[in-house]
C-alpha atoms as a PDB file:
ATOM      1  CA  UNK A   1     -23.124  96.988 -67.873  1.00  0.00           C
ATOM      2  CA  UNK A   2     -23.019 101.045 -66.018  1.00  0.00           C
ATOM      3  CA  UNK A   3     -22.868 101.968 -63.359  1.00  0.00           C
ATOM      4  CA  UNK A   4     -25.450 104.085 -63.577  1.00  0.00           C
ATOM      5  CA  UNK A   5     -27.725 100.785 -64.307  1.00  0.00           C
ATOM      6  CA  UNK A   6     -26.348  98.541 -60.879  1.00  0.00           C
ATOM      7  CA  UNK A   7     -28.439  98.618 -58.140  1.00  0.00           C
ATOM      8  CA  UNK A   8     -25.915  98.487 -55.298  1.00  0.00           C
ATOM      9  CA  UNK A   9     -24.824 102.680 -57.521  1.00  0.00           C
ATOM     10  CA  UNK A  10     -28.914 103.051 -56.790  1.00  0.00           C
ATOM     11  CA  UNK A  11     -29.694 101.878 -53.563  1.00  0.00           C
ATOM     12  CA  UNK A  12     -26.283 103.621 -51.966  1.00  0.00           C
ATOM     13  CA  UNK A  13     -27.991 106.786 -53.858  1.00  0.00           C
ATOM     14  CA  UNK A  14     -30.966 106.128 -52.474  1.00  0.00           C
ATOM     15  CA  UNK A  15     -29.688 105.571 -49.242  1.00  0.00           C
ATOM     16  CA  UNK A  16     -27.494 109.627 -49.183  1.00  0.00           C
ATOM     17  CA  UNK A  17     -31.552 111.305 -50.542  1.00  0.00           C
ATOM     18  CA  UNK A  18     -33.367 109.465 -47.360  1.00  0.00           C
ATOM     19  CA  UNK A  19     -29.474 110.001 -45.057  1.00  0.00           C
ATOM     20  CA  UNK A  20     -29.838 113.961 -45.926  1.00  0.00           C
ATOM     21  CA  UNK A  21     -33.686 114.508 -45.707  1.00  0.00           C
ATOM     22  CA  UNK A  22     -33.624 112.667 -42.661  1.00  0.00           C
ATOM     23  CA  UNK A  23     -30.979 115.296 -41.470  1.00  0.00           C
ATOM     24  CA  UNK A  24     -33.147 118.079 -42.896  1.00  0.00           C
ATOM     25  CA  UNK A  25     -36.033 117.026 -41.435  1.00  0.00           C
ATOM     26  CA  UNK A  26     -34.811 116.636 -37.641  1.00  0.00           C
ATOM     27  CA  UNK A  27     -32.741 120.330 -38.611  1.00  0.00           C
ATOM     28  CA  UNK A  28     -35.963 121.644 -39.420  1.00  0.00           C
ATOM     29  CA  UNK A  29     -37.377 121.627 -35.512  1.00  0.00           C
ATOM     30  CA  UNK A  30     -34.487 121.659 -34.192  1.00  0.00           C
ATOM     31  CA  UNK A  31     -33.489 117.834 -32.961  1.00  0.00           C
ATOM     32  CA  UNK A  32     -30.421 116.821 -33.155  1.00  0.00           C
ATOM     33  CA  UNK A  33     -30.199 113.015 -34.083  1.00  0.00           C
ATOM     34  CA  UNK A  34     -29.125 110.832 -36.645  1.00  0.00           C
ATOM     35  CA  UNK A  35     -31.820 108.056 -38.957  1.00  0.00           C
ATOM     36  CA  UNK A  36     -29.277 105.395 -36.558  1.00  0.00           C
ATOM     37  CA  UNK A  37     -30.701 107.354 -32.903  1.00  0.00           C
ATOM     38  CA  UNK A  38     -33.742 107.577 -33.820  1.00  0.00           C
ATOM     39  CA  UNK A  39     -34.182 103.398 -35.567  1.00  0.00           C
ATOM     40  CA  UNK A  40     -32.162 102.762 -32.431  1.00  0.00           C
ATOM     41  CA  UNK A  41     -34.253 104.733 -29.785  1.00  0.00           C
ATOM     42  CA  UNK A  42     -37.317 103.173 -31.294  1.00  0.00           C
ATOM     43  CA  UNK A  43     -36.148 100.031 -30.839  1.00  0.00           C
ATOM     44  CA  UNK A  44     -35.231 100.059 -27.660  1.00  0.00           C
ATOM     45  CA  UNK A  45     -39.019 102.293 -26.425  1.00  0.00           C
ATOM     46  CA  UNK A  46     -40.096  99.124 -28.241  1.00  0.00           C
ATOM     47  CA  UNK A  47     -38.163  96.975 -26.934  1.00  0.00           C
ATOM     48  CA  UNK A  48     -36.963  97.526 -23.004  1.00  0.00           C
ATOM     49  CA  UNK A  49     -34.504  95.834 -22.123  1.00  0.00           C
ATOM     50  CA  UNK A  50     -32.745  94.733 -24.672  1.00  0.00           C
ATOM     51  CA  UNK A  51     -28.983  94.555 -24.788  1.00  0.00           C
ATOM     52  CA  UNK A  52     -26.592  96.229 -26.794  1.00  0.00           C
ATOM     53  CA  UNK A  53     -26.514  93.257 -29.952  1.00  0.00           C
ATOM     54  CA  UNK A  54     -29.819  92.558 -30.167  1.00  0.00           C
ATOM     55  CA  UNK A  55     -29.844  95.975 -30.094  1.00  0.00           C
ATOM     56  CA  UNK A  56     -27.869  96.123 -33.226  1.00  0.00           C
ATOM     57  CA  UNK A  57     -29.309  92.768 -34.879  1.00  0.00           C
ATOM     58  CA  UNK A  58     -32.957  94.612 -34.722  1.00  0.00           C
ATOM     59  CA  UNK A  59     -32.099  97.760 -36.255  1.00  0.00           C
ATOM     60  CA  UNK A  60     -29.565  95.746 -38.799  1.00  0.00           C
ATOM     61  CA  UNK A  61     -26.708  97.877 -37.799  1.00  0.00           C
ATOM     62  CA  UNK A  62     -23.287  96.689 -36.956  1.00  0.00           C
ATOM     63  CA  UNK A  63     -22.800  95.129 -33.635  1.00  0.00           C
ATOM     64  CA  UNK A  64     -19.160  96.588 -33.608  1.00  0.00           C
ATOM     65  CA  UNK A  65     -20.789 100.534 -33.395  1.00  0.00           C
ATOM     66  CA  UNK A  66     -23.728  99.815 -32.011  1.00  0.00           C
ATOM     67  CA  UNK A  67     -21.146 100.405 -28.655  1.00  0.00           C
ATOM     68  CA  UNK A  68     -21.378 104.634 -30.166  1.00  0.00           C
ATOM     69  CA  UNK A  69     -24.756 105.202 -30.638  1.00  0.00           C
ATOM     70  CA  UNK A  70     -26.087 104.088 -27.336  1.00  0.00           C
ATOM     71  CA  UNK A  71     -23.656 105.820 -26.043  1.00  0.00           C
ATOM     72  CA  UNK A  72     -24.589 109.042 -27.890  1.00  0.00           C
ATOM     73  CA  UNK A  73     -27.639 108.178 -27.056  1.00  0.00           C
ATOM     74  CA  UNK A  74     -26.619 108.221 -24.027  1.00  0.00           C
ATOM     75  CA  UNK A  75     -24.943 111.481 -23.610  1.00  0.00           C
ATOM     76  CA  UNK A  76     -28.333 113.453 -24.105  1.00  0.00           C
ATOM     77  CA  UNK A  77     -30.224 111.845 -21.719  1.00  0.00           C
ATOM     78  CA  UNK A  78     -32.741 109.432 -24.380  1.00  0.00           C
ATOM     79  CA  UNK A  79     -31.295 105.809 -23.184  1.00  0.00           C
ATOM     80  CA  UNK A  80     -30.191 104.184 -19.938  1.00  0.00           C
ATOM     81  CA  UNK A  81     -27.728 100.890 -19.355  1.00  0.00           C
ATOM     82  CA  UNK A  82     -29.028  99.488 -16.095  1.00  0.00           C
ATOM     83  CA  UNK A  83     -26.859  95.985 -15.740  1.00  0.00           C
ATOM     84  CA  UNK A  84     -28.804  92.458 -16.035  1.00  0.00           C
ATOM     85  CA  UNK A  85     -29.430  91.033 -13.001  1.00  0.00           C
ATOM     86  CA  UNK A  86     -29.109  87.783 -15.294  1.00  0.00           C
ATOM     87  CA  UNK A  87     -25.474  88.366 -16.567  1.00  0.00           C
ATOM     88  CA  UNK A  88     -23.597  91.189 -15.195  1.00  0.00           C
ATOM     89  CA  UNK A  89     -20.947  91.302 -18.199  1.00  0.00           C
ATOM     90  CA  UNK A  90     -24.381  92.640 -20.189  1.00  0.00           C
ATOM     91  CA  UNK A  91     -26.388  95.833 -20.235  1.00  0.00           C
ATOM     92  CA  UNK A  92     -29.786  96.845 -20.320  1.00  0.00           C
ATOM     93  CA  UNK A  93     -31.386  99.716 -22.312  1.00  0.00           C
ATOM     94  CA  UNK A  94     -34.123 101.270 -21.351  1.00  0.00           C
ATOM     95  CA  UNK A  95     -35.722 104.870 -22.570  1.00  0.00           C
ATOM     96  CA  UNK A  96     -35.719 107.919 -20.520  1.00  0.00           C
ATOM     97  CA  UNK A  97     -38.645 110.018 -20.468  1.00  0.00           C
ATOM     98  CA  UNK A  98     -36.721 112.500 -22.442  1.00  0.00           C
ATOM     99  CA  UNK A  99     -36.180 109.464 -24.314  1.00  0.00           C
ATOM    100  CA  UNK A 100     -39.859 108.526 -24.496  1.00  0.00           C
ATOM    101  CA  UNK A 101     -40.552 112.579 -25.289  1.00  0.00           C
ATOM    102  CA  UNK A 102     -38.047 112.932 -27.956  1.00  0.00           C
ATOM    103  CA  UNK A 103     -39.109 109.411 -29.783  1.00  0.00           C
ATOM    104  CA  UNK A 104     -42.531 110.909 -29.532  1.00  0.00           C
ATOM    105  CA  UNK A 105     -42.011 114.787 -31.120  1.00  0.00           C
ATOM    106  CA  UNK A 106     -39.791 113.063 -33.885  1.00  0.00           C
ATOM    107  CA  UNK A 107     -42.063 110.889 -34.253  1.00  0.00           C
ATOM    108  CA  UNK A 108     -44.119 112.626 -36.987  1.00  0.00           C
ATOM    109  CA  UNK A 109     -41.914 115.000 -38.759  1.00  0.00           C
ATOM    110  CA  UNK A 110     -39.280 110.885 -39.262  1.00  0.00           C
ATOM    111  CA  UNK A 111     -43.247 109.842 -40.850  1.00  0.00           C
ATOM    112  CA  UNK A 112     -43.410 113.060 -43.000  1.00  0.00           C
ATOM    113  CA  UNK A 113     -40.267 112.810 -44.444  1.00  0.00           C
ATOM    114  CA  UNK A 114     -41.354 109.496 -45.668  1.00  0.00           C
ATOM    115  CA  UNK A 115     -42.498 110.401 -48.600  1.00  0.00           C
ATOM    116  CA  UNK A 116     -40.340 113.501 -48.687  1.00  0.00           C
ATOM    117  CA  UNK A 117     -37.844 110.683 -49.555  1.00  0.00           C
ATOM    118  CA  UNK A 118     -39.625 108.934 -52.859  1.00  0.00           C
ATOM    119  CA  UNK A 119     -41.726 111.725 -54.193  1.00  0.00           C
ATOM    120  CA  UNK A 120     -40.654 111.277 -57.098  1.00  0.00           C
ATOM    121  CA  UNK A 121     -42.584 108.702 -57.296  1.00  0.00           C
ATOM    122  CA  UNK A 122     -46.949 108.088 -57.166  1.00  0.00           C
ATOM    123  CA  UNK A 123     -48.225 106.159 -55.020  1.00  0.00           C
ATOM    124  CA  UNK A 124     -49.182 102.648 -56.060  1.00  0.00           C
ATOM    125  CA  UNK A 125     -44.891 103.141 -57.358  1.00  0.00           C
ATOM    126  CA  UNK A 126     -44.147 103.994 -53.215  1.00  0.00           C
ATOM    127  CA  UNK A 127     -46.088 100.622 -52.280  1.00  0.00           C
ATOM    128  CA  UNK A 128     -44.990  98.399 -55.027  1.00  0.00           C
ATOM    129  CA  UNK A 129     -40.865  99.941 -54.868  1.00  0.00           C
ATOM    130  CA  UNK A 130     -41.740  99.897 -50.187  1.00  0.00           C
ATOM    131  CA  UNK A 131     -42.820  95.658 -51.055  1.00  0.00           C
ATOM    132  CA  UNK A 132     -39.701  94.886 -53.633  1.00  0.00           C
ATOM    133  CA  UNK A 133     -37.402  97.085 -51.742  1.00  0.00           C
ATOM    134  CA  UNK A 134     -38.681  93.984 -48.553  1.00  0.00           C
ATOM    135  CA  UNK A 135     -38.568  91.717 -50.917  1.00  0.00           C
ATOM    136  CA  UNK A 136     -35.304  91.955 -51.956  1.00  0.00           C
ATOM    137  CA  UNK A 137     -34.271  92.482 -48.230  1.00  0.00           C
ATOM    138  CA  UNK A 138     -35.881  88.656 -47.685  1.00  0.00           C
ATOM    139  CA  UNK A 139     -38.335  90.366 -45.082  1.00  0.00           C
ATOM    140  CA  UNK A 140     -41.640  89.285 -46.960  1.00  0.00           C
END
């Protein structure tokens, strides 16, 4: 099988395209945020008090490197870590008011970018792609 036809190669290329589209969109609105930082902040807002290990699982990100993502969000003043009352070793994550504002400000752009990522596809093809991707990931 030629590499161009391999699913892994196509997924990697689509991921690159998605990442580039996301970064261009954030630059256009003057925001310094990666797609992983957006996913993490969104998950923290959806699940206030989530710990880092659970955050990593929630956004399907590597546990070993999620700390760096949270470090950057904390340095930007978007999240804070609080000591867990149940386990003093654990840190619980909460969005700051600035984090809530930033998420609200970038969400319309992020949502609009989704259409750009799959722009060559018709609406029906985009829906079919999303359904097949969810199925391949075991989410359906």
